[in-house]
Amino acid sequence: MGEDIAAVRDRDPAARNSLEVFLTSPGVHALWWHRVACWLWRWEWFLIARVISNIARTFTGIEIHPGATIGRRVVIDHGMGVVIGETATVGDDCLIYHGVTLGGKVAQAREECQGRRHPAVGNNVTIGSGATLLGPITIGEGATIGAMSVVLDDVPAGALAVGIPAKIKKRSKRA
């Protein structure tokens, strides 16, 4: 819990103190609820995990499926409207702004779905407000996704992806 609060304090200039973050940050609350739901999901208590996930969504406006894998020190800033699908993974130290969707591309029956259907986001990735990442794509470490971008293809490490559909605009020297 302390690590989550410290991550928000480091990345959000509006966070004045730890008590304020603890009491008022919906992104932190959603992540804490998610950890409980995820633990239950892994123990195959699917119904109670989904109930907890829905309660968290009601209070925070952030929907994280209990099957999603979320790394450490992830910050969901403001958060309203964030949706993270069942097979999505989010690496450590990521920053996710409001209205972001990590979703699937195709509606299929569970029996037809095999493997990963949602994005895999690497470490230290920033995802701008309203961005939509769809399908089993991979976002490389240190990448930045611009606000309102629609990402349908892999994004290399250190790259900036913007637009609809998203195009790579620059790469860092280490990528």
Protein backbone atom coordinates (compact mmCIF):
# COMPACT_ATOMS: atom_id res chain seq x y z
CA MET A 1 0.00 0.00 0.00
CA GLY A 2 2.79 2.38 0.86
CA GLU A 3 4.48 1.73 -2.49
CA ASP A 4 1.25 2.60 -4.33
CA ILE A 5 0.84 5.84 -2.41
CA ALA A 6 4.48 6.79 -3.00
CA ALA A 7 4.09 6.13 -6.75
CA VAL A 8 1.12 8.51 -6.92
CA ARG A 9 2.99 11.16 -4.92
CA ASP A 10 5.95 10.86 -7.31
CA ARG A 11 3.90 11.19 -10.51
CA ASP A 12 0.91 13.36 -9.62
CA PRO A 13 1.72 17.00 -8.81
CA ALA A 14 -1.79 17.43 -7.36
CA ALA A 15 -1.12 14.82 -4.65
CA ARG A 16 -0.23 16.97 -1.65
CA ASN A 17 0.32 14.27 0.98
CA SER A 18 0.02 10.55 1.61
CA LEU A 19 -3.16 10.79 3.66
CA GLU A 20 -4.90 12.64 0.84
CA VAL A 21 -3.83 9.97 -1.67
CA PHE A 22 -4.92 7.19 0.70
CA LEU A 23 -8.37 8.70 1.21
CA THR A 24 -9.18 10.18 -2.20
CA SER A 25 -7.30 8.49 -5.05
CA PRO A 26 -9.68 6.30 -7.09
CA GLY A 27 -6.76 4.77 -9.01
CA VAL A 28 -5.15 3.55 -5.80
CA HIS A 29 -8.46 2.23 -4.48
CA ALA A 30 -9.17 0.40 -7.76
CA LEU A 31 -5.75 -1.27 -7.65
CA TRP A 32 -6.23 -2.38 -4.04
CA TRP A 33 -9.67 -3.84 -4.82
CA HIS A 34 -8.17 -5.49 -7.90
CA ARG A 35 -5.51 -7.26 -5.85
CA VAL A 36 -8.19 -8.84 -3.68
CA ALA A 37 -10.32 -9.82 -6.70
CA CYS A 38 -7.27 -11.14 -8.57
CA TRP A 39 -6.25 -13.32 -5.62
CA LEU A 40 -9.76 -14.81 -5.51
CA TRP A 41 -9.74 -15.29 -9.30
CA ARG A 42 -6.49 -17.25 -9.13
CA TRP A 43 -8.06 -19.50 -6.48
CA GLU A 44 -11.00 -20.00 -8.90
CA TRP A 45 -13.53 -18.14 -6.76
CA PHE A 46 -14.73 -16.50 -9.96
CA LEU A 47 -18.12 -15.23 -8.84
CA ILE A 48 -16.94 -13.45 -5.70
CA ALA A 49 -13.96 -12.04 -7.64
CA ARG A 50 -16.33 -10.58 -10.26
CA VAL A 51 -18.62 -9.19 -7.54
CA ILE A 52 -15.68 -7.43 -5.87
CA SER A 53 -14.55 -6.12 -9.26
CA ASN A 54 -18.02 -4.68 -9.89
CA ILE A 55 -18.17 -3.09 -6.45
CA ALA A 56 -14.80 -1.47 -7.13
CA ARG A 57 -16.03 -0.19 -10.51
CA THR A 58 -19.10 1.32 -8.85
CA PHE A 59 -17.01 3.25 -6.33
CA THR A 60 -14.05 4.22 -8.54
CA GLY A 61 -15.28 4.35 -12.15
CA ILE A 62 -12.38 2.05 -13.05
CA GLU A 63 -13.06 -1.44 -14.36
CA ILE A 64 -10.26 -3.97 -13.98
CA HIS A 65 -11.14 -7.59 -14.72
CA PRO A 66 -9.98 -9.87 -11.89
CA GLY A 67 -8.04 -11.96 -14.41
CA ALA A 68 -5.87 -9.02 -15.52
CA THR A 69 -2.25 -8.87 -14.36
CA ILE A 70 -1.16 -5.48 -13.01
CA GLY A 71 2.44 -4.71 -12.04
CA ARG A 72 3.87 -2.72 -9.16
CA ARG A 73 3.78 1.06 -8.76
CA VAL A 74 1.18 1.47 -11.51
CA VAL A 75 -0.55 4.86 -11.33
CA ILE A 76 -4.06 5.35 -12.70
CA ASP A 77 -4.41 9.13 -12.75
CA HIS A 78 -8.01 10.36 -12.37
CA GLY A 79 -9.08 7.00 -13.75
CA MET A 80 -12.74 7.47 -14.63
CA GLY A 81 -13.59 5.23 -17.55
CA VAL A 82 -10.45 3.08 -17.48
CA VAL A 83 -11.19 -0.49 -18.63
CA ILE A 84 -8.64 -3.30 -18.40
CA GLY A 85 -9.66 -6.66 -19.88
CA GLU A 86 -9.24 -10.18 -18.54
CA THR A 87 -6.04 -11.23 -20.32
CA ALA A 88 -4.37 -7.79 -20.27
CA THR A 89 -1.03 -7.35 -18.54
CA VAL A 90 0.38 -4.05 -17.32
CA GLY A 91 4.04 -3.86 -16.33
CA ASP A 92 5.67 -2.05 -13.42
CA ASP A 93 5.83 1.75 -13.12
CA CYS A 94 3.20 2.48 -15.79
CA LEU A 95 1.11 5.65 -15.88
CA ILE A 96 -2.45 5.32 -17.18
CA TYR A 97 -4.68 8.37 -17.61
CA HIS A 98 -8.49 8.50 -17.60
CA GLY A 99 -10.59 6.90 -20.30
CA VAL A 100 -8.01 4.31 -21.36
CA THR A 101 -9.20 0.94 -22.68
CA LEU A 102 -7.07 -2.19 -22.83
CA GLY A 103 -9.58 -4.30 -24.68
CA GLY A 104 -10.15 -7.17 -27.06
CA LYS A 105 -10.92 -6.87 -30.76
CA VAL A 106 -13.37 -9.68 -31.38
CA ALA A 107 -16.39 -10.78 -29.40
CA GLN A 108 -16.19 -14.58 -29.18
CA ALA A 109 -17.61 -17.26 -26.97
CA ARG A 110 -15.23 -18.32 -24.18
CA GLU A 111 -14.85 -21.76 -25.81
CA GLU A 112 -13.57 -20.14 -29.02
CA CYS A 113 -11.02 -17.90 -27.30
CA GLN A 114 -7.55 -19.28 -26.82
CA GLY A 115 -4.73 -17.47 -25.05
CA ARG A 116 -4.26 -13.73 -24.77
CA ARG A 117 -6.98 -11.46 -26.21
CA HIS A 118 -5.90 -8.14 -24.67
CA PRO A 119 -2.76 -5.96 -24.77
CA ALA A 120 0.47 -6.68 -22.94
CA VAL A 121 1.94 -3.38 -21.72
CA GLY A 122 5.62 -3.32 -20.77
CA ASN A 123 7.30 -1.52 -17.88
CA ASN A 124 7.49 2.30 -17.69
CA VAL A 125 4.79 2.89 -20.31
CA THR A 126 2.65 6.04 -20.35
CA ILE A 127 -0.84 5.78 -21.86
CA GLY A 128 -2.55 9.10 -22.57
CA SER A 129 -6.15 10.04 -21.87
CA GLY A 130 -8.76 8.26 -23.95
CA ALA A 131 -6.31 5.93 -25.67
CA THR A 132 -7.66 2.59 -26.85
CA LEU A 133 -5.38 -0.44 -27.18
CA LEU A 134 -7.10 -3.40 -28.79
CA GLY A 135 -6.23 -7.05 -29.26
CA PRO A 136 -3.26 -9.21 -28.30
CA ILE A 137 -0.68 -6.51 -29.06
CA THR A 138 2.54 -5.76 -27.19
CA ILE A 139 3.57 -2.29 -26.03
CA GLY A 140 7.32 -2.16 -25.49
CA GLU A 141 9.11 -0.92 -22.42
CA GLY A 142 9.25 2.86 -22.05
CA ALA A 143 6.78 3.51 -24.88
CA THR A 144 4.32 6.41 -24.84
CA ILE A 145 0.81 6.18 -26.27
CA GLY A 146 -0.66 9.58 -27.16
CA ALA A 147 -4.05 10.75 -25.95
CA MET A 148 -7.02 9.48 -27.96
CA SER A 149 -4.83 7.13 -30.01
CA VAL A 150 -6.22 3.81 -31.23
CA VAL A 151 -3.46 1.21 -31.12
CA LEU A 152 -4.04 -1.95 -33.15
CA ASP A 153 -0.44 -3.08 -33.73
CA ASP A 154 2.64 -3.66 -31.57
CA VAL A 155 4.56 -0.58 -30.38
CA PRO A 156 8.34 -0.99 -29.99
CA ALA A 157 10.22 -0.10 -26.82
CA GLY A 158 10.79 3.63 -26.36
CA ALA A 159 8.44 4.61 -29.20
CA LEU A 160 5.76 7.29 -29.33
CA ALA A 161 2.52 6.09 -30.94
CA VAL A 162 -0.19 8.62 -31.88
CA GLY A 163 -3.23 8.84 -34.11
CA ILE A 164 -6.18 6.80 -35.33
CA PRO A 165 -4.96 4.23 -36.12
CA ALA A 166 -1.77 4.87 -34.17
CA LYS A 167 1.47 5.33 -36.06
CA ILE A 168 5.00 5.37 -34.63
CA LYS A 169 6.29 8.96 -34.56
CA LYS A 170 9.63 8.53 -32.82
CA ARG A 171 11.83 6.00 -31.15
CA SER A 172 14.29 6.55 -28.33
CA LYS A 173 17.98 5.97 -29.06
CA ARG A 174 17.94 2.80 -26.94
CA ALA A 175 15.10 1.23 -28.92
